[in-house]
Amino acid sequence: MSSPLTIEAFCKSPSLAGPSPSGLKLAPDGSCLTFLRGRPSDKDYHDLWRLPLTDENGSPLSDPQPALFVDADRLGLAGADGTELSAEEKARRERMRVAQAKGILQYYWSGNSEYILLPAGNTLWLYKVSTGGLELLPVSDVEVKGAVIDAQLSIIT
């Protein structure tokens, strides 16, 4: 027999229904749907997931299954490991209504579906879809303290 449902169990993280996806985007080439999903153990820690829609030949898949695409731990994010976020970054997250969120909060596809730009705190990461490689992009030659990066991918086509 199962235990009774308590108010604490109903209100705690993770939700009884599991983590719900957000940030759904269709890859520009239509090959997959990507989304952010909280971890089963912490609904506020988001990773990037992928649901393939076509196979390598472009044929639709009959039973696609979502898979982890980019693990946020690979980015070494501020705030994810207890390190302090800048006041500006905290304010930006409050405006986005994701103040408690950790991990990947935004991402942008390139027009040719070869890259994904991942703004993370005060850094930018470029994910190459074909290899799974991550590259830390230089933001500037000058150290910028307290700046907030609110990236929009427009130069990679």
Protein backbone atom coordinates (compact mmCIF):
# COMPACT_ATOMS: atom_id res chain seq x y z
CA MET A 1 0.00 0.00 0.00
CA SER A 2 1.32 3.46 -0.86
CA SER A 3 1.81 6.21 1.69
CA PRO A 4 -0.76 9.02 1.95
CA LEU A 5 -0.16 12.23 0.00
CA THR A 6 0.95 14.99 2.34
CA ILE A 7 0.92 18.76 1.77
CA GLU A 8 4.73 18.74 2.00
CA ALA A 9 5.02 16.12 -0.75
CA PHE A 10 2.52 18.01 -2.89
CA CYS A 11 4.43 21.32 -2.64
CA LYS A 12 8.07 20.18 -2.70
CA SER A 13 10.49 20.07 -5.62
CA PRO A 14 10.30 18.18 -7.89
CA SER A 15 6.64 18.42 -8.81
CA LEU A 16 4.52 15.28 -8.62
CA ALA A 17 4.01 15.60 -12.38
CA GLY A 18 7.77 15.87 -12.95
CA PRO A 19 9.68 18.76 -14.45
CA SER A 20 7.84 20.61 -17.21
CA PRO A 21 9.66 21.80 -20.33
CA SER A 22 10.09 25.44 -21.32
CA GLY A 23 11.81 27.37 -24.09
CA LEU A 24 10.55 25.08 -26.86
CA LYS A 25 12.18 25.82 -30.22
CA LEU A 26 12.13 24.03 -33.54
CA ALA A 27 15.56 23.72 -35.17
CA PRO A 28 15.61 25.89 -38.32
CA ASP A 29 16.09 22.79 -40.50
CA GLY A 30 13.10 21.08 -38.81
CA SER A 31 15.17 18.09 -37.67
CA CYS A 32 14.37 18.37 -33.97
CA LEU A 33 12.54 20.19 -31.23
CA THR A 34 14.69 21.53 -28.38
CA PHE A 35 13.55 22.56 -24.94
CA LEU A 36 14.75 23.33 -21.44
CA ARG A 37 13.78 20.90 -18.72
CA GLY A 38 14.45 20.89 -15.00
CA ARG A 39 16.18 17.91 -13.51
CA PRO A 40 14.11 15.26 -11.73
CA SER A 41 16.00 16.03 -8.52
CA ASP A 42 15.83 19.84 -8.91
CA LYS A 43 13.16 21.43 -11.12
CA ASP A 44 15.05 24.76 -11.07
CA TYR A 45 18.25 23.35 -12.64
CA HIS A 46 17.70 23.35 -16.42
CA ASP A 47 19.47 21.33 -19.11
CA LEU A 48 18.88 21.53 -22.87
CA TRP A 49 16.99 18.56 -24.29
CA ARG A 50 16.37 17.42 -27.87
CA LEU A 51 13.46 15.55 -29.42
CA PRO A 52 14.50 14.30 -32.88
CA LEU A 53 11.74 14.59 -35.46
CA THR A 54 13.54 13.11 -38.49
CA ASP A 55 16.23 10.51 -39.11
CA GLU A 56 19.53 11.16 -40.94
CA ASN A 57 17.69 10.90 -44.30
CA GLY A 58 15.04 13.45 -43.32
CA SER A 59 12.28 10.86 -42.90
CA PRO A 60 9.87 11.42 -39.99
CA LEU A 61 10.46 9.25 -36.92
CA SER A 62 7.57 7.06 -35.80
CA ASP A 63 8.35 7.12 -32.06
CA PRO A 64 10.82 9.90 -31.19
CA GLN A 65 12.27 9.93 -27.68
CA PRO A 66 13.72 13.02 -25.97
CA ALA A 67 17.38 12.91 -25.00
CA LEU A 68 19.70 15.17 -23.05
CA PHE A 69 21.36 17.51 -25.57
CA VAL A 70 23.53 19.88 -23.48
CA ASP A 71 24.20 19.16 -19.82
CA ALA A 72 24.38 22.49 -17.97
CA ASP A 73 27.19 21.10 -15.80
CA ARG A 74 29.49 21.29 -18.85
CA LEU A 75 29.21 25.10 -18.82
CA GLY A 76 30.57 25.63 -15.29
CA LEU A 77 27.82 28.12 -14.57
CA ALA A 78 27.92 30.77 -11.86
CA GLY A 79 25.16 30.15 -9.38
CA ALA A 80 24.94 26.45 -10.21
CA ASP A 81 27.63 25.43 -7.75
CA GLY A 82 26.87 27.99 -5.05
CA THR A 83 29.03 30.76 -6.53
CA GLU A 84 27.54 34.24 -6.41
CA LEU A 85 25.90 35.85 -9.44
CA SER A 86 26.49 39.54 -10.13
CA ALA A 87 23.78 41.99 -9.06
CA GLU A 88 23.12 42.78 -12.73
CA GLU A 89 22.65 39.10 -13.58
CA LYS A 90 20.31 38.65 -10.61
CA ALA A 91 18.25 41.65 -11.81
CA ARG A 92 18.09 40.26 -15.36
CA ARG A 93 16.85 36.91 -14.05
CA GLU A 94 14.22 38.66 -11.94
CA ARG A 95 12.97 40.48 -15.05
CA MET A 96 12.84 37.14 -16.89
CA ARG A 97 10.94 35.70 -13.90
CA VAL A 98 13.54 32.97 -13.43
CA ALA A 99 15.30 34.28 -10.32
CA GLN A 100 15.57 30.84 -8.70
CA ALA A 101 16.53 29.03 -11.91
CA LYS A 102 19.97 27.55 -12.50
CA GLY A 103 21.62 25.90 -15.45
CA ILE A 104 20.74 26.85 -19.02
CA LEU A 105 18.08 29.57 -19.12
CA GLN A 106 18.26 30.69 -22.77
CA TYR A 107 19.59 29.41 -26.06
CA TYR A 108 19.55 30.50 -29.70
CA TRP A 109 19.80 28.37 -32.86
CA SER A 110 21.94 29.51 -35.80
CA GLY A 111 20.07 29.88 -39.08
CA ASN A 112 21.73 26.78 -40.55
CA SER A 113 21.05 24.58 -37.47
CA GLU A 114 24.78 23.90 -37.02
CA TYR A 115 25.28 25.87 -33.79
CA ILE A 116 23.50 26.85 -30.61
CA LEU A 117 24.48 29.97 -28.68
CA LEU A 118 24.22 29.55 -24.91
CA PRO A 119 24.43 32.73 -22.82
CA ALA A 120 25.39 31.70 -19.31
CA GLY A 121 25.84 34.34 -16.65
CA ASN A 122 28.56 36.64 -17.97
CA THR A 123 29.82 34.19 -20.59
CA LEU A 124 28.82 32.95 -24.02
CA TRP A 125 29.17 29.36 -25.17
CA LEU A 126 28.89 28.05 -28.72
CA TYR A 127 27.67 24.46 -29.06
CA LYS A 128 28.45 22.67 -32.33
CA VAL A 129 25.55 20.32 -33.01
CA SER A 130 27.44 17.86 -35.26
CA THR A 131 30.26 17.17 -32.78
CA GLY A 132 28.76 18.09 -29.41
CA GLY A 133 31.73 20.41 -28.85
CA LEU A 134 31.47 23.48 -26.64
CA GLU A 135 33.55 26.59 -27.17
CA LEU A 136 33.80 29.49 -24.75
CA LEU A 137 33.50 32.67 -26.82
CA PRO A 138 35.57 35.72 -25.95
CA VAL A 139 33.24 38.50 -24.93
CA SER A 140 35.84 41.24 -25.06
CA ASP A 141 39.55 41.82 -24.63
CA VAL A 142 38.75 44.02 -21.65
CA GLU A 143 37.56 42.44 -18.43
CA VAL A 144 33.99 43.49 -17.82
CA LYS A 145 32.85 43.20 -14.23
CA GLY A 146 29.15 43.26 -13.48
CA ALA A 147 28.11 43.30 -17.13
CA VAL A 148 25.13 41.28 -18.27
CA ILE A 149 25.14 39.39 -21.53
CA ASP A 150 21.72 39.21 -23.15
CA ALA A 151 22.73 37.62 -26.41
CA GLN A 152 20.85 37.41 -29.66
CA LEU A 153 22.32 35.12 -32.32
CA SER A 154 22.48 37.03 -35.58
CA ILE A 155 25.99 36.64 -36.98
CA ILE A 156 26.15 32.87 -37.52
CA THR A 157 24.30 31.73 -40.61
